[in-house]
């Protein structure tokens, strides 16, 4: 029984487009050294919440009605290519030591970035 469940999980995992490599990141690198995204994101975000950390960042994307479009964990290398693929939107970042640097880089991509006072 457990072996059958494991086989189904593996088949579902391999059938996912981001895992099998067909729709995954391209081999060439983007302007920030990270991989560029081959597939275009079909979402039209209104607001993005970005939680900064040392190596792993959490992104929460919502549309104009407040419904969650995407919520994912990104590495440092994946962060700027992810925002390059998004249309211009409002990004909220908690103010911390590196927030100003990330805000400048995201503003260069055309996003409206707001720093939020830590609470």
C-alpha atoms as a PDB file:
ATOM      1  CA  UNK A   1       0.000   0.000   0.000  1.00  0.00           C
ATOM      2  CA  UNK A   2       2.741   2.466   0.960  1.00  0.00           C
ATOM      3  CA  UNK A   3       4.774   1.522  -2.103  1.00  0.00           C
ATOM      4  CA  UNK A   4       1.782   2.204  -4.397  1.00  0.00           C
ATOM      5  CA  UNK A   5       1.240   5.614  -2.765  1.00  0.00           C
ATOM      6  CA  UNK A   6       4.935   6.408  -3.249  1.00  0.00           C
ATOM      7  CA  UNK A   7       4.778   5.461  -6.958  1.00  0.00           C
ATOM      8  CA  UNK A   8       1.757   7.712  -7.517  1.00  0.00           C
ATOM      9  CA  UNK A   9       3.548  10.591  -5.774  1.00  0.00           C
ATOM     10  CA  UNK A  10       6.701  10.113  -7.862  1.00  0.00           C
ATOM     11  CA  UNK A  11       4.677   9.974 -11.096  1.00  0.00           C
ATOM     12  CA  UNK A  12       2.785  13.141 -10.155  1.00  0.00           C
ATOM     13  CA  UNK A  13       6.033  14.852  -9.163  1.00  0.00           C
ATOM     14  CA  UNK A  14       7.744  13.986 -12.453  1.00  0.00           C
ATOM     15  CA  UNK A  15       4.712  15.079 -14.457  1.00  0.00           C
ATOM     16  CA  UNK A  16       4.865  18.563 -12.943  1.00  0.00           C
ATOM     17  CA  UNK A  17       6.185  21.004 -15.616  1.00  0.00           C
ATOM     18  CA  UNK A  18       8.735  22.698 -13.367  1.00  0.00           C
ATOM     19  CA  UNK A  19      10.330  19.362 -12.469  1.00  0.00           C
ATOM     20  CA  UNK A  20      10.679  17.639 -15.818  1.00  0.00           C
ATOM     21  CA  UNK A  21      12.800  20.475 -17.250  1.00  0.00           C
ATOM     22  CA  UNK A  22      10.624  21.348 -20.237  1.00  0.00           C
ATOM     23  CA  UNK A  23       9.171  24.507 -18.726  1.00  0.00           C
ATOM     24  CA  UNK A  24      11.896  25.117 -16.181  1.00  0.00           C
ATOM     25  CA  UNK A  25      14.511  27.867 -16.160  1.00  0.00           C
ATOM     26  CA  UNK A  26      16.504  28.444 -19.319  1.00  0.00           C
ATOM     27  CA  UNK A  27      20.207  27.701 -19.497  1.00  0.00           C
ATOM     28  CA  UNK A  28      21.225  31.293 -20.258  1.00  0.00           C
ATOM     29  CA  UNK A  29      21.697  33.748 -17.452  1.00  0.00           C
ATOM     30  CA  UNK A  30      19.795  36.966 -16.882  1.00  0.00           C
ATOM     31  CA  UNK A  31      21.394  40.372 -16.255  1.00  0.00           C
ATOM     32  CA  UNK A  32      21.778  39.651 -12.525  1.00  0.00           C
ATOM     33  CA  UNK A  33      23.574  36.327 -12.951  1.00  0.00           C
ATOM     34  CA  UNK A  34      20.534  34.165 -12.205  1.00  0.00           C
ATOM     35  CA  UNK A  35      18.677  32.034 -14.716  1.00  0.00           C
ATOM     36  CA  UNK A  36      16.030  33.709 -16.851  1.00  0.00           C
ATOM     37  CA  UNK A  37      12.548  32.234 -16.804  1.00  0.00           C
ATOM     38  CA  UNK A  38      11.433  30.627 -20.082  1.00  0.00           C
ATOM     39  CA  UNK A  39       7.746  30.474 -19.325  1.00  0.00           C
ATOM     40  CA  UNK A  40       5.885  33.721 -18.878  1.00  0.00           C
ATOM     41  CA  UNK A  41       3.932  34.146 -15.694  1.00  0.00           C
ATOM     42  CA  UNK A  42       0.256  34.569 -16.497  1.00  0.00           C
ATOM     43  CA  UNK A  43      -0.555  36.421 -13.310  1.00  0.00           C
ATOM     44  CA  UNK A  44      -1.322  40.128 -13.075  1.00  0.00           C
ATOM     45  CA  UNK A  45      -0.299  40.969  -9.527  1.00  0.00           C
ATOM     46  CA  UNK A  46      -1.453  44.045  -7.673  1.00  0.00           C
ATOM     47  CA  UNK A  47       0.622  43.643  -4.514  1.00  0.00           C
ATOM     48  CA  UNK A  48       3.591  41.506  -3.549  1.00  0.00           C
ATOM     49  CA  UNK A  49       4.820  40.921  -0.020  1.00  0.00           C
ATOM     50  CA  UNK A  50       8.527  40.127   0.168  1.00  0.00           C
ATOM     51  CA  UNK A  51      10.122  38.681   3.296  1.00  0.00           C
ATOM     52  CA  UNK A  52      13.879  39.186   3.155  1.00  0.00           C
ATOM     53  CA  UNK A  53      16.386  36.843   4.735  1.00  0.00           C
ATOM     54  CA  UNK A  54      19.998  35.880   4.257  1.00  0.00           C
ATOM     55  CA  UNK A  55      19.682  33.160   1.590  1.00  0.00           C
ATOM     56  CA  UNK A  56      15.984  32.296   1.213  1.00  0.00           C
ATOM     57  CA  UNK A  57      13.217  34.796   0.481  1.00  0.00           C
ATOM     58  CA  UNK A  58       9.450  34.318   0.714  1.00  0.00           C
ATOM     59  CA  UNK A  59       7.187  35.974  -1.851  1.00  0.00           C
ATOM     60  CA  UNK A  60       3.402  36.304  -1.478  1.00  0.00           C
ATOM     61  CA  UNK A  61       1.542  37.619  -4.550  1.00  0.00           C
ATOM     62  CA  UNK A  62      -2.089  38.818  -4.461  1.00  0.00           C
ATOM     63  CA  UNK A  63      -4.352  40.281  -7.142  1.00  0.00           C
ATOM     64  CA  UNK A  64      -6.500  43.424  -6.905  1.00  0.00           C
ATOM     65  CA  UNK A  65      -9.319  41.559  -5.117  1.00  0.00           C
ATOM     66  CA  UNK A  66      -6.923  40.247  -2.452  1.00  0.00           C
ATOM     67  CA  UNK A  67      -6.908  36.624  -3.647  1.00  0.00           C
ATOM     68  CA  UNK A  68      -3.586  34.831  -3.400  1.00  0.00           C
ATOM     69  CA  UNK A  69      -2.067  34.183  -6.814  1.00  0.00           C
ATOM     70  CA  UNK A  70       1.246  32.713  -5.749  1.00  0.00           C
ATOM     71  CA  UNK A  71       3.227  32.106  -2.596  1.00  0.00           C
ATOM     72  CA  UNK A  72       6.680  30.637  -2.898  1.00  0.00           C
ATOM     73  CA  UNK A  73      10.149  30.402  -1.476  1.00  0.00           C
ATOM     74  CA  UNK A  74      12.970  31.773  -3.641  1.00  0.00           C
ATOM     75  CA  UNK A  75      16.720  31.661  -3.327  1.00  0.00           C
ATOM     76  CA  UNK A  76      18.879  34.743  -3.710  1.00  0.00           C
ATOM     77  CA  UNK A  77      19.706  33.729  -7.271  1.00  0.00           C
ATOM     78  CA  UNK A  78      16.021  33.317  -8.245  1.00  0.00           C
ATOM     79  CA  UNK A  79      14.703  36.546  -6.712  1.00  0.00           C
ATOM     80  CA  UNK A  80      15.465  39.163  -9.378  1.00  0.00           C
ATOM     81  CA  UNK A  81      14.596  36.901 -12.352  1.00  0.00           C
ATOM     82  CA  UNK A  82      11.230  36.250 -10.662  1.00  0.00           C
ATOM     83  CA  UNK A  83      10.499  39.982 -10.423  1.00  0.00           C
ATOM     84  CA  UNK A  84      11.749  40.580 -13.981  1.00  0.00           C
ATOM     85  CA  UNK A  85       8.995  38.260 -15.195  1.00  0.00           C
ATOM     86  CA  UNK A  86       6.276  40.131 -13.253  1.00  0.00           C
ATOM     87  CA  UNK A  87       4.488  43.180 -14.575  1.00  0.00           C
ATOM     88  CA  UNK A  88       4.987  46.375 -12.566  1.00  0.00           C
ATOM     89  CA  UNK A  89       3.298  46.148  -9.170  1.00  0.00           C
ATOM     90  CA  UNK A  90       3.448  47.363  -5.571  1.00  0.00           C
ATOM     91  CA  UNK A  91       5.981  45.500  -3.421  1.00  0.00           C
ATOM     92  CA  UNK A  92       5.988  45.718   0.369  1.00  0.00           C
ATOM     93  CA  UNK A  93       9.225  44.949   2.225  1.00  0.00           C
ATOM     94  CA  UNK A  94       9.886  45.114   5.953  1.00  0.00           C
ATOM     95  CA  UNK A  95      12.646  47.671   6.557  1.00  0.00           C
ATOM     96  CA  UNK A  96      15.876  45.974   7.585  1.00  0.00           C
ATOM     97  CA  UNK A  97      19.593  46.252   6.862  1.00  0.00           C
ATOM     98  CA  UNK A  98      19.380  45.025   3.249  1.00  0.00           C
ATOM     99  CA  UNK A  99      15.888  46.303   2.394  1.00  0.00           C
ATOM    100  CA  UNK A 100      17.131  49.554   0.826  1.00  0.00           C
ATOM    101  CA  UNK A 101      19.452  47.675  -1.520  1.00  0.00           C
ATOM    102  CA  UNK A 102      16.705  45.281  -2.649  1.00  0.00           C
ATOM    103  CA  UNK A 103      14.255  48.189  -3.005  1.00  0.00           C
ATOM    104  CA  UNK A 104      16.630  50.002  -5.379  1.00  0.00           C
ATOM    105  CA  UNK A 105      17.122  46.881  -7.488  1.00  0.00           C
ATOM    106  CA  UNK A 106      13.371  46.229  -7.711  1.00  0.00           C
ATOM    107  CA  UNK A 107      12.673  49.880  -8.569  1.00  0.00           C
ATOM    108  CA  UNK A 108      15.103  49.571 -11.501  1.00  0.00           C
ATOM    109  CA  UNK A 109      12.808  46.834 -12.804  1.00  0.00           C
ATOM    110  CA  UNK A 110       9.853  49.258 -12.741  1.00  0.00           C
ATOM    111  CA  UNK A 111       8.148  48.182  -9.507  1.00  0.00           C
ATOM    112  CA  UNK A 112       6.772  50.532  -6.834  1.00  0.00           C
ATOM    113  CA  UNK A 113       8.523  49.508  -3.611  1.00  0.00           C
ATOM    114  CA  UNK A 114       7.410  50.537  -0.127  1.00  0.00           C
ATOM    115  CA  UNK A 115       9.372  49.847   3.049  1.00  0.00           C
ATOM    116  CA  UNK A 116       7.305  48.938   6.091  1.00  0.00           C
ATOM    117  CA  UNK A 117       8.430  49.838   9.599  1.00  0.00           C
ATOM    118  CA  UNK A 118       9.164  46.700  11.646  1.00  0.00           C
ATOM    119  CA  UNK A 119       6.519  46.178  14.212  1.00  0.00           C
END
